[in-house]
């Protein structure tokens, strides 16, 4: 019963994290994918007009994926601890899994801050 509840909870957390990003929503209507008046112009498949928008989109996507993976890894680390049966080595391995997951997620969250700093320094 606990495994079923844990599975349902993990899927719910992942879906909540992915729902906040708008993955699968319609692209903005600012001319994305439309051809210009020039017959030789190509549509913009990326829906961005400059490199900073592209980097922001990439970081947003990676952040979404990392939140989902971090949720799964924390659950996996907790599972390692729960199934250790008192073995200190397995408990330590589970704690390390959770610890490194939190560090990785913190680094991913700092990407937004780093991009904002670079944009401010460059003046974009």
PDB file of N, CA and C in Angstrom:
ATOM      1  N   UNK A   1       0.821  -1.188   0.000  1.00  0.00           N
ATOM      2  CA  UNK A   1       0.000   0.000   0.000  1.00  0.00           C
ATOM      3  C   UNK A   1       0.870   1.259   0.000  1.00  0.00           C
ATOM      4  N   UNK A   2       1.975   1.214   0.762  1.00  0.00           N
ATOM      5  CA  UNK A   2       2.857   2.374   0.823  1.00  0.00           C
ATOM      6  C   UNK A   2       3.510   2.631  -0.528  1.00  0.00           C
ATOM      7  N   UNK A   3       3.855   1.562  -1.247  1.00  0.00           N
ATOM      8  CA  UNK A   3       4.480   1.726  -2.551  1.00  0.00           C
ATOM      9  C   UNK A   3       3.525   2.398  -3.533  1.00  0.00           C
ATOM     10  N   UNK A   4       2.258   2.010  -3.473  1.00  0.00           N
ATOM     11  CA  UNK A   4       1.268   2.601  -4.373  1.00  0.00           C
ATOM     12  C   UNK A   4       1.090   4.081  -4.058  1.00  0.00           C
ATOM     13  N   UNK A   5       0.986   4.411  -2.781  1.00  0.00           N
ATOM     14  CA  UNK A   5       0.833   5.813  -2.397  1.00  0.00           C
ATOM     15  C   UNK A   5       2.068   6.623  -2.772  1.00  0.00           C
ATOM     16  N   UNK A   6       3.250   6.043  -2.600  1.00  0.00           N
ATOM     17  CA  UNK A   6       4.490   6.725  -2.959  1.00  0.00           C
ATOM     18  C   UNK A   6       4.563   6.968  -4.460  1.00  0.00           C
ATOM     19  N   UNK A   7       4.142   6.003  -5.255  1.00  0.00           N
ATOM     20  CA  UNK A   7       4.134   6.147  -6.704  1.00  0.00           C
ATOM     21  C   UNK A   7       3.161   7.232  -7.134  1.00  0.00           C
ATOM     22  N   UNK A   8       1.969   7.224  -6.576  1.00  0.00           N
ATOM     23  CA  UNK A   8       0.976   8.247  -6.909  1.00  0.00           C
ATOM     24  C   UNK A   8       1.481   9.621  -6.507  1.00  0.00           C
ATOM     25  N   UNK A   9       2.088   9.732  -5.330  1.00  0.00           N
ATOM     26  CA  UNK A   9       2.613  11.008  -4.860  1.00  0.00           C
ATOM     27  C   UNK A   9       3.722  11.521  -5.763  1.00  0.00           C
ATOM     28  N   UNK A  10       4.618  10.628  -6.187  1.00  0.00           N
ATOM     29  CA  UNK A  10       5.725  11.070  -7.040  1.00  0.00           C
ATOM     30  C   UNK A  10       5.219  11.544  -8.397  1.00  0.00           C
ATOM     31  N   UNK A  11       4.233  10.875  -8.969  1.00  0.00           N
ATOM     32  CA  UNK A  11       3.670  11.330 -10.235  1.00  0.00           C
ATOM     33  C   UNK A  11       2.944  12.654 -10.059  1.00  0.00           C
ATOM     34  N   UNK A  12       2.272  12.830  -8.944  1.00  0.00           N
ATOM     35  CA  UNK A  12       1.564  14.091  -8.696  1.00  0.00           C
ATOM     36  C   UNK A  12       2.550  15.245  -8.582  1.00  0.00           C
ATOM     37  N   UNK A  13       3.640  15.045  -7.855  1.00  0.00           N
ATOM     38  CA  UNK A  13       4.643  16.107  -7.703  1.00  0.00           C
ATOM     39  C   UNK A  13       5.258  16.444  -9.058  1.00  0.00           C
ATOM     40  N   UNK A  14       5.577  15.426  -9.846  1.00  0.00           N
ATOM     41  CA  UNK A  14       6.174  15.661 -11.157  1.00  0.00           C
ATOM     42  C   UNK A  14       5.198  16.415 -12.060  1.00  0.00           C
ATOM     43  N   UNK A  15       3.931  16.042 -12.036  1.00  0.00           N
ATOM     44  CA  UNK A  15       2.945  16.719 -12.870  1.00  0.00           C
ATOM     45  C   UNK A  15       2.735  18.159 -12.427  1.00  0.00           C
ATOM     46  N   UNK A  16       2.777  18.411 -11.132  1.00  0.00           N
ATOM     47  CA  UNK A  16       2.642  19.779 -10.656  1.00  0.00           C
ATOM     48  C   UNK A  16       3.825  20.609 -11.129  1.00  0.00           C
ATOM     49  N   UNK A  17       5.023  20.049 -11.064  1.00  0.00           N
ATOM     50  CA  UNK A  17       6.211  20.775 -11.505  1.00  0.00           C
ATOM     51  C   UNK A  17       6.159  21.058 -12.999  1.00  0.00           C
ATOM     52  N   UNK A  18       5.705  20.113 -13.791  1.00  0.00           N
ATOM     53  CA  UNK A  18       5.644  20.315 -15.230  1.00  0.00           C
ATOM     54  C   UNK A  18       4.486  21.213 -15.639  1.00  0.00           C
ATOM     55  N   UNK A  19       3.412  21.234 -14.858  1.00  0.00           N
ATOM     56  CA  UNK A  19       2.262  22.068 -15.197  1.00  0.00           C
ATOM     57  C   UNK A  19       2.593  23.546 -15.074  1.00  0.00           C
ATOM     58  N   UNK A  20       3.540  23.902 -14.233  1.00  0.00           N
ATOM     59  CA  UNK A  20       3.865  25.298 -14.012  1.00  0.00           C
ATOM     60  C   UNK A  20       4.638  25.914 -15.169  1.00  0.00           C
ATOM     61  N   UNK A  21       5.228  25.101 -16.035  1.00  0.00           N
ATOM     62  CA  UNK A  21       6.068  25.637 -17.097  1.00  0.00           C
ATOM     63  C   UNK A  21       5.315  25.885 -18.383  1.00  0.00           C
ATOM     64  N   UNK A  22       4.170  25.288 -18.573  1.00  0.00           N
ATOM     65  CA  UNK A  22       3.423  25.480 -19.804  1.00  0.00           C
ATOM     66  C   UNK A  22       3.957  24.664 -20.955  1.00  0.00           C
ATOM     67  N   UNK A  23       4.591  23.527 -20.681  1.00  0.00           N
ATOM     68  CA  UNK A  23       5.083  22.677 -21.753  1.00  0.00           C
ATOM     69  C   UNK A  23       3.888  22.147 -22.534  1.00  0.00           C
ATOM     70  N   UNK A  24       3.962  22.235 -23.821  1.00  0.00           N
ATOM     71  CA  UNK A  24       2.878  21.761 -24.664  1.00  0.00           C
ATOM     72  C   UNK A  24       1.851  22.840 -24.965  1.00  0.00           C
ATOM     73  N   UNK A  25       2.018  24.031 -24.425  1.00  0.00           N
ATOM     74  CA  UNK A  25       1.076  25.097 -24.712  1.00  0.00           C
ATOM     75  C   UNK A  25       1.397  25.692 -26.078  1.00  0.00           C
ATOM     76  N   UNK A  26       0.486  26.476 -26.564  1.00  0.00           N
ATOM     77  CA  UNK A  26       0.679  27.092 -27.873  1.00  0.00           C
ATOM     78  C   UNK A  26       1.801  28.113 -27.817  1.00  0.00           C
ATOM     79  N   UNK A  27       2.588  28.237 -28.900  1.00  0.00           N
ATOM     80  CA  UNK A  27       3.649  29.228 -28.906  1.00  0.00           C
ATOM     81  C   UNK A  27       3.070  30.634 -28.924  1.00  0.00           C
ATOM     82  N   UNK A  28       3.858  31.629 -28.524  1.00  0.00           N
ATOM     83  CA  UNK A  28       3.354  32.995 -28.540  1.00  0.00           C
ATOM     84  C   UNK A  28       3.002  33.434 -29.952  1.00  0.00           C
ATOM     85  N   UNK A  29       2.048  34.332 -30.067  1.00  0.00           N
ATOM     86  CA  UNK A  29       1.549  34.722 -31.385  1.00  0.00           C
ATOM     87  C   UNK A  29       2.316  35.893 -31.971  1.00  0.00           C
ATOM     88  N   UNK A  30       3.538  36.111 -31.576  1.00  0.00           N
ATOM     89  CA  UNK A  30       4.330  37.239 -32.056  1.00  0.00           C
ATOM     90  C   UNK A  30       5.031  36.973 -33.370  1.00  0.00           C
ATOM     91  N   UNK A  31       4.391  36.312 -34.311  1.00  0.00           N
ATOM     92  CA  UNK A  31       5.006  36.066 -35.600  1.00  0.00           C
ATOM     93  C   UNK A  31       5.808  34.787 -35.632  1.00  0.00           C
ATOM     94  N   UNK A  32       5.665  33.955 -34.663  1.00  0.00           N
ATOM     95  CA  UNK A  32       6.431  32.721 -34.607  1.00  0.00           C
ATOM     96  C   UNK A  32       5.949  31.768 -35.695  1.00  0.00           C
ATOM     97  N   UNK A  33       6.867  31.348 -36.530  1.00  0.00           N
ATOM     98  CA  UNK A  33       6.529  30.387 -37.561  1.00  0.00           C
ATOM     99  C   UNK A  33       5.900  30.997 -38.792  1.00  0.00           C
ATOM    100  N   UNK A  34       5.697  32.302 -38.824  1.00  0.00           N
ATOM    101  CA  UNK A  34       5.080  32.952 -39.981  1.00  0.00           C
ATOM    102  C   UNK A  34       6.165  33.463 -40.916  1.00  0.00           C
ATOM    103  N   UNK A  35       5.876  33.362 -42.191  1.00  0.00           N
ATOM    104  CA  UNK A  35       6.803  33.893 -43.174  1.00  0.00           C
ATOM    105  C   UNK A  35       6.559  35.378 -43.354  1.00  0.00           C
ATOM    106  N   UNK A  36       7.627  36.082 -43.695  1.00  0.00           N
ATOM    107  CA  UNK A  36       7.500  37.503 -43.973  1.00  0.00           C
ATOM    108  C   UNK A  36       6.947  37.734 -45.360  1.00  0.00           C
ATOM    109  N   UNK A  37       6.989  38.977 -45.783  1.00  0.00           N
ATOM    110  CA  UNK A  37       6.474  39.305 -47.110  1.00  0.00           C
ATOM    111  C   UNK A  37       7.433  38.884 -48.212  1.00  0.00           C
ATOM    112  N   UNK A  38       8.696  38.713 -47.879  1.00  0.00           N
ATOM    113  CA  UNK A  38       9.695  38.286 -48.848  1.00  0.00           C
ATOM    114  C   UNK A  38       9.481  36.810 -49.170  1.00  0.00           C
ATOM    115  N   UNK A  39       9.372  36.454 -50.458  1.00  0.00           N
ATOM    116  CA  UNK A  39       9.125  35.042 -50.793  1.00  0.00           C
ATOM    117  C   UNK A  39      10.287  34.116 -50.441  1.00  0.00           C
ATOM    118  N   UNK A  40      11.480  34.666 -50.237  1.00  0.00           N
ATOM    119  CA  UNK A  40      12.632  33.838 -49.909  1.00  0.00           C
ATOM    120  C   UNK A  40      12.870  33.722 -48.403  1.00  0.00           C
ATOM    121  N   UNK A  41      12.047  34.351 -47.576  1.00  0.00           N
ATOM    122  CA  UNK A  41      12.248  34.287 -46.130  1.00  0.00           C
ATOM    123  C   UNK A  41      11.747  32.958 -45.584  1.00  0.00           C
ATOM    124  N   UNK A  42      12.400  32.505 -44.550  1.00  0.00           N
ATOM    125  CA  UNK A  42      12.046  31.239 -43.914  1.00  0.00           C
ATOM    126  C   UNK A  42      11.344  31.507 -42.587  1.00  0.00           C
ATOM    127  N   UNK A  43      10.430  30.627 -42.185  1.00  0.00           N
ATOM    128  CA  UNK A  43       9.800  30.814 -40.875  1.00  0.00           C
ATOM    129  C   UNK A  43      10.798  30.525 -39.755  1.00  0.00           C
ATOM    130  N   UNK A  44      10.600  31.169 -38.632  1.00  0.00           N
ATOM    131  CA  UNK A  44      11.472  31.000 -37.475  1.00  0.00           C
ATOM    132  C   UNK A  44      10.975  29.807 -36.655  1.00  0.00           C
ATOM    133  N   UNK A  45      11.656  28.666 -36.703  1.00  0.00           N
ATOM    134  CA  UNK A  45      11.170  27.485 -35.975  1.00  0.00           C
ATOM    135  C   UNK A  45      11.413  27.563 -34.470  1.00  0.00           C
ATOM    136  N   UNK A  46      12.305  28.435 -34.016  1.00  0.00           N
ATOM    137  CA  UNK A  46      12.643  28.511 -32.593  1.00  0.00           C
ATOM    138  C   UNK A  46      11.773  29.497 -31.820  1.00  0.00           C
ATOM    139  N   UNK A  47      11.060  30.354 -32.508  1.00  0.00           N
ATOM    140  CA  UNK A  47      10.184  31.352 -31.882  1.00  0.00           C
ATOM    141  C   UNK A  47      10.956  32.300 -30.970  1.00  0.00           C
ATOM    142  N   UNK A  48      12.189  32.613 -31.297  1.00  0.00           N
ATOM    143  CA  UNK A  48      12.982  33.574 -30.541  1.00  0.00           C
ATOM    144  C   UNK A  48      13.563  34.586 -31.518  1.00  0.00           C
ATOM    145  N   UNK A  49      13.832  35.788 -30.999  1.00  0.00           N
ATOM    146  CA  UNK A  49      14.382  36.816 -31.870  1.00  0.00           C
ATOM    147  C   UNK A  49      15.835  37.134 -31.560  1.00  0.00           C
ATOM    148  N   UNK A  50      16.333  36.689 -30.388  1.00  0.00           N
ATOM    149  CA  UNK A  50      17.737  36.933 -30.071  1.00  0.00           C
ATOM    150  C   UNK A  50      18.283  35.796 -29.207  1.00  0.00           C
ATOM    151  N   UNK A  51      19.576  35.838 -28.952  1.00  0.00           N
ATOM    152  CA  UNK A  51      20.251  34.745 -28.249  1.00  0.00           C
ATOM    153  C   UNK A  51      19.830  34.662 -26.789  1.00  0.00           C
ATOM    154  N   UNK A  52      19.497  35.802 -26.185  1.00  0.00           N
ATOM    155  CA  UNK A  52      19.119  35.757 -24.771  1.00  0.00           C
ATOM    156  C   UNK A  52      17.788  35.040 -24.572  1.00  0.00           C
ATOM    157  N   UNK A  53      16.865  35.232 -25.506  1.00  0.00           N
ATOM    158  CA  UNK A  53      15.602  34.494 -25.427  1.00  0.00           C
ATOM    159  C   UNK A  53      15.839  33.001 -25.614  1.00  0.00           C
ATOM    160  N   UNK A  54      16.742  32.658 -26.532  1.00  0.00           N
ATOM    161  CA  UNK A  54      17.053  31.251 -26.761  1.00  0.00           C
ATOM    162  C   UNK A  54      17.654  30.620 -25.509  1.00  0.00           C
ATOM    163  N   UNK A  55      18.624  31.303 -24.879  1.00  0.00           N
ATOM    164  CA  UNK A  55      19.222  30.774 -23.654  1.00  0.00           C
ATOM    165  C   UNK A  55      18.202  30.668 -22.536  1.00  0.00           C
ATOM    166  N   UNK A  56      17.313  31.635 -22.449  1.00  0.00           N
ATOM    167  CA  UNK A  56      16.279  31.592 -21.423  1.00  0.00           C
ATOM    168  C   UNK A  56      15.339  30.403 -21.638  1.00  0.00           C
ATOM    169  N   UNK A  57      14.996  30.139 -22.888  1.00  0.00           N
ATOM    170  CA  UNK A  57      14.150  28.978 -23.187  1.00  0.00           C
ATOM    171  C   UNK A  57      14.858  27.665 -22.862  1.00  0.00           C
ATOM    172  N   UNK A  58      16.137  27.576 -23.191  1.00  0.00           N
ATOM    173  CA  UNK A  58      16.899  26.357 -22.919  1.00  0.00           C
ATOM    174  C   UNK A  58      17.015  26.125 -21.415  1.00  0.00           C
ATOM    175  N   UNK A  59      17.338  27.180 -20.670  1.00  0.00           N
ATOM    176  CA  UNK A  59      17.469  27.049 -19.219  1.00  0.00           C
ATOM    177  C   UNK A  59      16.123  26.691 -18.587  1.00  0.00           C
ATOM    178  N   UNK A  60      15.051  27.273 -19.087  1.00  0.00           N
ATOM    179  CA  UNK A  60      13.723  26.933 -18.569  1.00  0.00           C
ATOM    180  C   UNK A  60      13.384  25.468 -18.789  1.00  0.00           C
ATOM    181  N   UNK A  61      13.707  24.960 -19.976  1.00  0.00           N
ATOM    182  CA  UNK A  61      13.460  23.552 -20.266  1.00  0.00           C
ATOM    183  C   UNK A  61      14.308  22.654 -19.374  1.00  0.00           C
ATOM    184  N   UNK A  62      15.601  22.989 -19.242  1.00  0.00           N
ATOM    185  CA  UNK A  62      16.483  22.176 -18.396  1.00  0.00           C
ATOM    186  C   UNK A  62      16.062  22.225 -16.928  1.00  0.00           C
ATOM    187  N   UNK A  63      15.572  23.366 -16.491  1.00  0.00           N
ATOM    188  CA  UNK A  63      15.094  23.485 -15.115  1.00  0.00           C
ATOM    189  C   UNK A  63      13.870  22.600 -14.889  1.00  0.00           C
ATOM    190  N   UNK A  64      12.987  22.562 -15.869  1.00  0.00           N
ATOM    191  CA  UNK A  64      11.803  21.702 -15.764  1.00  0.00           C
ATOM    192  C   UNK A  64      12.198  20.237 -15.665  1.00  0.00           C
ATOM    193  N   UNK A  65      13.113  19.823 -16.519  1.00  0.00           N
ATOM    194  CA  UNK A  65      13.571  18.438 -16.503  1.00  0.00           C
ATOM    195  C   UNK A  65      14.294  18.125 -15.197  1.00  0.00           C
ATOM    196  N   UNK A  66      15.106  19.067 -14.718  1.00  0.00           N
ATOM    197  CA  UNK A  66      15.879  18.803 -13.498  1.00  0.00           C
ATOM    198  C   UNK A  66      14.984  18.699 -12.266  1.00  0.00           C
ATOM    199  N   UNK A  67      13.891  19.452 -12.220  1.00  0.00           N
ATOM    200  CA  UNK A  67      12.971  19.336 -11.082  1.00  0.00           C
ATOM    201  C   UNK A  67      12.325  17.951 -11.073  1.00  0.00           C
ATOM    202  N   UNK A  68      11.940  17.473 -12.243  1.00  0.00           N
ATOM    203  CA  UNK A  68      11.339  16.139 -12.320  1.00  0.00           C
ATOM    204  C   UNK A  68      12.351  15.059 -11.927  1.00  0.00           C
ATOM    205  N   UNK A  69      13.564  15.173 -12.429  1.00  0.00           N
ATOM    206  CA  UNK A  69      14.594  14.181 -12.108  1.00  0.00           C
ATOM    207  C   UNK A  69      14.968  14.254 -10.626  1.00  0.00           C
ATOM    208  N   UNK A  70      15.038  15.464 -10.074  1.00  0.00           N
ATOM    209  CA  UNK A  70      15.369  15.617  -8.654  1.00  0.00           C
ATOM    210  C   UNK A  70      14.306  14.968  -7.774  1.00  0.00           C
ATOM    211  N   UNK A  71      13.048  15.102  -8.156  1.00  0.00           N
ATOM    212  CA  UNK A  71      11.977  14.458  -7.392  1.00  0.00           C
ATOM    213  C   UNK A  71      12.164  12.949  -7.379  1.00  0.00           C
ATOM    214  N   UNK A  72      12.457  12.402  -8.543  1.00  0.00           N
ATOM    215  CA  UNK A  72      12.645  10.956  -8.641  1.00  0.00           C
ATOM    216  C   UNK A  72      13.871  10.522  -7.835  1.00  0.00           C
ATOM    217  N   UNK A  73      14.953  11.298  -7.901  1.00  0.00           N
ATOM    218  CA  UNK A  73      16.180  10.916  -7.195  1.00  0.00           C
ATOM    219  C   UNK A  73      16.029  11.019  -5.674  1.00  0.00           C
ATOM    220  N   UNK A  74      15.285  12.002  -5.186  1.00  0.00           N
ATOM    221  CA  UNK A  74      15.043  12.088  -3.737  1.00  0.00           C
ATOM    222  C   UNK A  74      14.223  10.885  -3.278  1.00  0.00           C
ATOM    223  N   UNK A  75      13.241  10.508  -4.061  1.00  0.00           N
ATOM    224  CA  UNK A  75      12.447   9.320  -3.720  1.00  0.00           C
ATOM    225  C   UNK A  75      13.321   8.075  -3.760  1.00  0.00           C
ATOM    226  N   UNK A  76      14.219   7.989  -4.739  1.00  0.00           N
ATOM    227  CA  UNK A  76      15.126   6.849  -4.826  1.00  0.00           C
ATOM    228  C   UNK A  76      16.062   6.798  -3.626  1.00  0.00           C
ATOM    229  N   UNK A  77      16.601   7.958  -3.217  1.00  0.00           N
ATOM    230  CA  UNK A  77      17.463   8.011  -2.039  1.00  0.00           C
ATOM    231  C   UNK A  77      16.722   7.607  -0.781  1.00  0.00           C
ATOM    232  N   UNK A  78      15.479   8.048  -0.656  1.00  0.00           N
ATOM    233  CA  UNK A  78      14.673   7.653   0.495  1.00  0.00           C
ATOM    234  C   UNK A  78      14.398   6.151   0.467  1.00  0.00           C
ATOM    235  N   UNK A  79      14.189   5.613  -0.725  1.00  0.00           N
ATOM    236  CA  UNK A  79      13.974   4.180  -0.862  1.00  0.00           C
ATOM    237  C   UNK A  79      15.227   3.407  -0.443  1.00  0.00           C
ATOM    238  N   UNK A  80      16.404   3.927  -0.804  1.00  0.00           N
ATOM    239  CA  UNK A  80      17.653   3.289  -0.390  1.00  0.00           C
ATOM    240  C   UNK A  80      17.782   3.269   1.128  1.00  0.00           C
ATOM    241  N   UNK A  81      17.406   4.362   1.758  1.00  0.00           N
ATOM    242  CA  UNK A  81      17.483   4.423   3.219  1.00  0.00           C
ATOM    243  C   UNK A  81      16.474   3.476   3.855  1.00  0.00           C
ATOM    244  N   UNK A  82      15.271   3.448   3.312  1.00  0.00           N
ATOM    245  CA  UNK A  82      14.224   2.605   3.899  1.00  0.00           C
ATOM    246  C   UNK A  82      14.516   1.119   3.754  1.00  0.00           C
ATOM    247  N   UNK A  83      15.183   0.742   2.673  1.00  0.00           N
ATOM    248  CA  UNK A  83      15.446  -0.676   2.437  1.00  0.00           C
ATOM    249  C   UNK A  83      16.838  -1.102   2.909  1.00  0.00           C
ATOM    250  N   UNK A  84      17.504  -0.271   3.667  1.00  0.00           N
ATOM    251  CA  UNK A  84      18.866  -0.589   4.098  1.00  0.00           C
ATOM    252  C   UNK A  84      18.906  -1.676   5.169  1.00  0.00           C
ATOM    253  N   UNK A  85      17.828  -1.864   5.888  1.00  0.00           N
ATOM    254  CA  UNK A  85      17.736  -2.882   6.955  1.00  0.00           C
ATOM    255  C   UNK A  85      18.840  -2.703   7.993  1.00  0.00           C
ATOM    256  N   UNK A  86      19.165  -1.461   8.298  1.00  0.00           N
ATOM    257  CA  UNK A  86      20.159  -1.187   9.330  1.00  0.00           C
ATOM    258  C   UNK A  86      21.594  -1.197   8.853  1.00  0.00           C
ATOM    259  N   UNK A  87      21.820  -1.472   7.582  1.00  0.00           N
ATOM    260  CA  UNK A  87      23.172  -1.476   7.032  1.00  0.00           C
ATOM    261  C   UNK A  87      23.629  -0.028   6.859  1.00  0.00           C
ATOM    262  N   UNK A  88      24.658   0.355   7.595  1.00  0.00           N
ATOM    263  CA  UNK A  88      25.120   1.746   7.606  1.00  0.00           C
ATOM    264  C   UNK A  88      25.638   2.199   6.241  1.00  0.00           C
ATOM    265  N   UNK A  89      26.213   1.274   5.483  1.00  0.00           N
ATOM    266  CA  UNK A  89      26.734   1.624   4.164  1.00  0.00           C
ATOM    267  C   UNK A  89      25.599   2.016   3.217  1.00  0.00           C
ATOM    268  N   UNK A  90      24.505   1.285   3.266  1.00  0.00           N
ATOM    269  CA  UNK A  90      23.357   1.604   2.409  1.00  0.00           C
ATOM    270  C   UNK A  90      22.663   2.882   2.862  1.00  0.00           C
ATOM    271  N   UNK A  91      22.617   3.111   4.158  1.00  0.00           N
ATOM    272  CA  UNK A  91      22.036   4.361   4.660  1.00  0.00           C
ATOM    273  C   UNK A  91      22.871   5.540   4.180  1.00  0.00           C
ATOM    274  N   UNK A  92      24.193   5.413   4.264  1.00  0.00           N
ATOM    275  CA  UNK A  92      25.079   6.487   3.811  1.00  0.00           C
ATOM    276  C   UNK A  92      24.928   6.724   2.310  1.00  0.00           C
ATOM    277  N   UNK A  93      24.750   5.662   1.535  1.00  0.00           N
ATOM    278  CA  UNK A  93      24.566   5.802   0.093  1.00  0.00           C
ATOM    279  C   UNK A  93      23.262   6.543  -0.215  1.00  0.00           C
ATOM    280  N   UNK A  94      22.203   6.233   0.528  1.00  0.00           N
ATOM    281  CA  UNK A  94      20.932   6.932   0.337  1.00  0.00           C
ATOM    282  C   UNK A  94      21.031   8.403   0.703  1.00  0.00           C
ATOM    283  N   UNK A  95      21.739   8.705   1.779  1.00  0.00           N
ATOM    284  CA  UNK A  95      21.925  10.103   2.184  1.00  0.00           C
ATOM    285  C   UNK A  95      22.739  10.871   1.147  1.00  0.00           C
ATOM    286  N   UNK A  96      23.767  10.217   0.593  1.00  0.00           N
ATOM    287  CA  UNK A  96      24.570  10.868  -0.439  1.00  0.00           C
ATOM    288  C   UNK A  96      23.732  11.148  -1.681  1.00  0.00           C
ATOM    289  N   UNK A  97      22.870  10.208  -2.031  1.00  0.00           N
ATOM    290  CA  UNK A  97      22.005  10.406  -3.194  1.00  0.00           C
ATOM    291  C   UNK A  97      21.129  11.639  -3.007  1.00  0.00           C
ATOM    292  N   UNK A  98      20.523  11.758  -1.844  1.00  0.00           N
ATOM    293  CA  UNK A  98      19.669  12.917  -1.578  1.00  0.00           C
ATOM    294  C   UNK A  98      20.499  14.198  -1.528  1.00  0.00           C
ATOM    295  N   UNK A  99      21.650  14.148  -0.893  1.00  0.00           N
ATOM    296  CA  UNK A  99      22.502  15.333  -0.760  1.00  0.00           C
ATOM    297  C   UNK A  99      22.948  15.857  -2.124  1.00  0.00           C
ATOM    298  N   UNK A 100      23.443  14.968  -2.980  1.00  0.00           N
ATOM    299  CA  UNK A 100      23.917  15.395  -4.290  1.00  0.00           C
ATOM    300  C   UNK A 100      22.765  15.826  -5.196  1.00  0.00           C
ATOM    301  N   UNK A 101      21.596  15.271  -4.988  1.00  0.00           N
ATOM    302  CA  UNK A 101      20.423  15.716  -5.739  1.00  0.00           C
ATOM    303  C   UNK A 101      20.077  17.153  -5.380  1.00  0.00           C
ATOM    304  N   UNK A 102      20.100  17.471  -4.098  1.00  0.00           N
ATOM    305  CA  UNK A 102      19.795  18.834  -3.670  1.00  0.00           C
ATOM    306  C   UNK A 102      20.852  19.809  -4.198  1.00  0.00           C
ATOM    307  N   UNK A 103      22.117  19.420  -4.181  1.00  0.00           N
ATOM    308  CA  UNK A 103      23.173  20.284  -4.716  1.00  0.00           C
ATOM    309  C   UNK A 103      22.969  20.509  -6.220  1.00  0.00           C
ATOM    310  N   UNK A 104      22.662  19.461  -6.948  1.00  0.00           N
ATOM    311  CA  UNK A 104      22.429  19.596  -8.388  1.00  0.00           C
ATOM    312  C   UNK A 104      21.238  20.481  -8.694  1.00  0.00           C
ATOM    313  N   UNK A 105      20.179  20.357  -7.928  1.00  0.00           N
ATOM    314  CA  UNK A 105      19.004  21.191  -8.139  1.00  0.00           C
ATOM    315  C   UNK A 105      19.311  22.655  -7.808  1.00  0.00           C
ATOM    316  N   UNK A 106      20.103  22.882  -6.773  1.00  0.00           N
ATOM    317  CA  UNK A 106      20.488  24.257  -6.432  1.00  0.00           C
ATOM    318  C   UNK A 106      21.307  24.886  -7.560  1.00  0.00           C
ATOM    319  N   UNK A 107      22.191  24.114  -8.155  1.00  0.00           N
ATOM    320  CA  UNK A 107      22.981  24.622  -9.282  1.00  0.00           C
ATOM    321  C   UNK A 107      22.071  24.954 -10.460  1.00  0.00           C
ATOM    322  N   UNK A 108      21.101  24.101 -10.734  1.00  0.00           N
ATOM    323  CA  UNK A 108      20.170  24.367 -11.827  1.00  0.00           C
ATOM    324  C   UNK A 108      19.346  25.627 -11.564  1.00  0.00           C
ATOM    325  N   UNK A 109      18.965  25.849 -10.310  1.00  0.00           N
ATOM    326  CA  UNK A 109      18.206  27.059  -9.979  1.00  0.00           C
ATOM    327  C   UNK A 109      19.073  28.310 -10.103  1.00  0.00           C
ATOM    328  N   UNK A 110      20.367  28.172  -9.885  1.00  0.00           N
ATOM    329  CA  UNK A 110      21.273  29.310 -10.011  1.00  0.00           C
ATOM    330  C   UNK A 110      21.511  29.717 -11.468  1.00  0.00           C
ATOM    331  N   UNK A 111      21.191  28.849 -12.428  1.00  0.00           N
ATOM    332  CA  UNK A 111      21.371  29.203 -13.824  1.00  0.00           C
ATOM    333  C   UNK A 111      20.585  30.453 -14.195  1.00  0.00           C
ATOM    334  N   UNK A 112      19.371  30.571 -13.681  1.00  0.00           N
ATOM    335  CA  UNK A 112      18.568  31.772 -13.953  1.00  0.00           C
ATOM    336  C   UNK A 112      19.279  33.024 -13.431  1.00  0.00           C
ATOM    337  N   UNK A 113      19.841  32.923 -12.248  1.00  0.00           N
ATOM    338  CA  UNK A 113      20.541  34.062 -11.653  1.00  0.00           C
ATOM    339  C   UNK A 113      21.783  34.402 -12.468  1.00  0.00           C
ATOM    340  N   UNK A 114      22.513  33.385 -12.899  1.00  0.00           N
ATOM    341  CA  UNK A 114      23.729  33.609 -13.682  1.00  0.00           C
ATOM    342  C   UNK A 114      23.394  34.278 -15.012  1.00  0.00           C
ATOM    343  N   UNK A 115      22.336  33.845 -15.677  1.00  0.00           N
ATOM    344  CA  UNK A 115      21.939  34.460 -16.949  1.00  0.00           C
ATOM    345  C   UNK A 115      21.526  35.912 -16.732  1.00  0.00           C
ATOM    346  N   UNK A 116      20.786  36.182 -15.658  1.00  0.00           N
ATOM    347  CA  UNK A 116      20.390  37.566 -15.370  1.00  0.00           C
ATOM    348  C   UNK A 116      21.613  38.437 -15.102  1.00  0.00           C
ATOM    349  N   UNK A 117      22.609  37.909 -14.394  1.00  0.00           N
ATOM    350  CA  UNK A 117      23.836  38.667 -14.143  1.00  0.00           C
ATOM    351  C   UNK A 117      24.588  38.967 -15.436  1.00  0.00           C
ATOM    352  N   UNK A 118      24.696  37.976 -16.289  1.00  0.00           N
ATOM    353  CA  UNK A 118      25.387  38.172 -17.556  1.00  0.00           C
ATOM    354  C   UNK A 118      24.655  39.207 -18.412  1.00  0.00           C
ATOM    355  N   UNK A 119      23.328  39.131 -18.444  1.00  0.00           N
ATOM    356  CA  UNK A 119      22.556  40.099 -19.217  1.00  0.00           C
ATOM    357  C   UNK A 119      22.750  41.515 -18.671  1.00  0.00           C
ATOM    358  N   UNK A 120      22.817  41.644 -17.364  1.00  0.00           N
ATOM    359  CA  UNK A 120      23.006  42.964 -16.774  1.00  0.00           C
ATOM    360  C   UNK A 120      24.412  43.504 -17.055  1.00  0.00           C
ATOM    361  N   UNK A 121      25.411  42.619 -16.979  1.00  0.00           N
ATOM    362  CA  UNK A 121      26.779  43.053 -17.237  1.00  0.00           C
ATOM    363  C   UNK A 121      26.987  43.442 -18.702  1.00  0.00           C
ATOM    364  N   UNK A 122      26.384  42.680 -19.594  1.00  0.00           N
ATOM    365  CA  UNK A 122      26.531  42.956 -21.023  1.00  0.00           C
ATOM    366  C   UNK A 122      25.649  44.134 -21.429  1.00  0.00           C
ATOM    367  N   UNK A 123      24.551  44.316 -20.729  1.00  0.00           N
ATOM    368  CA  UNK A 123      23.642  45.420 -21.044  1.00  0.00           C
ATOM    369  C   UNK A 123      22.578  45.052 -22.046  1.00  0.00           C
ATOM    370  N   UNK A 124      22.183  43.792 -22.048  1.00  0.00           N
ATOM    371  CA  UNK A 124      21.142  43.336 -22.983  1.00  0.00           C
ATOM    372  C   UNK A 124      19.796  43.453 -22.320  1.00  0.00           C
TER     373      UNK A 124
END
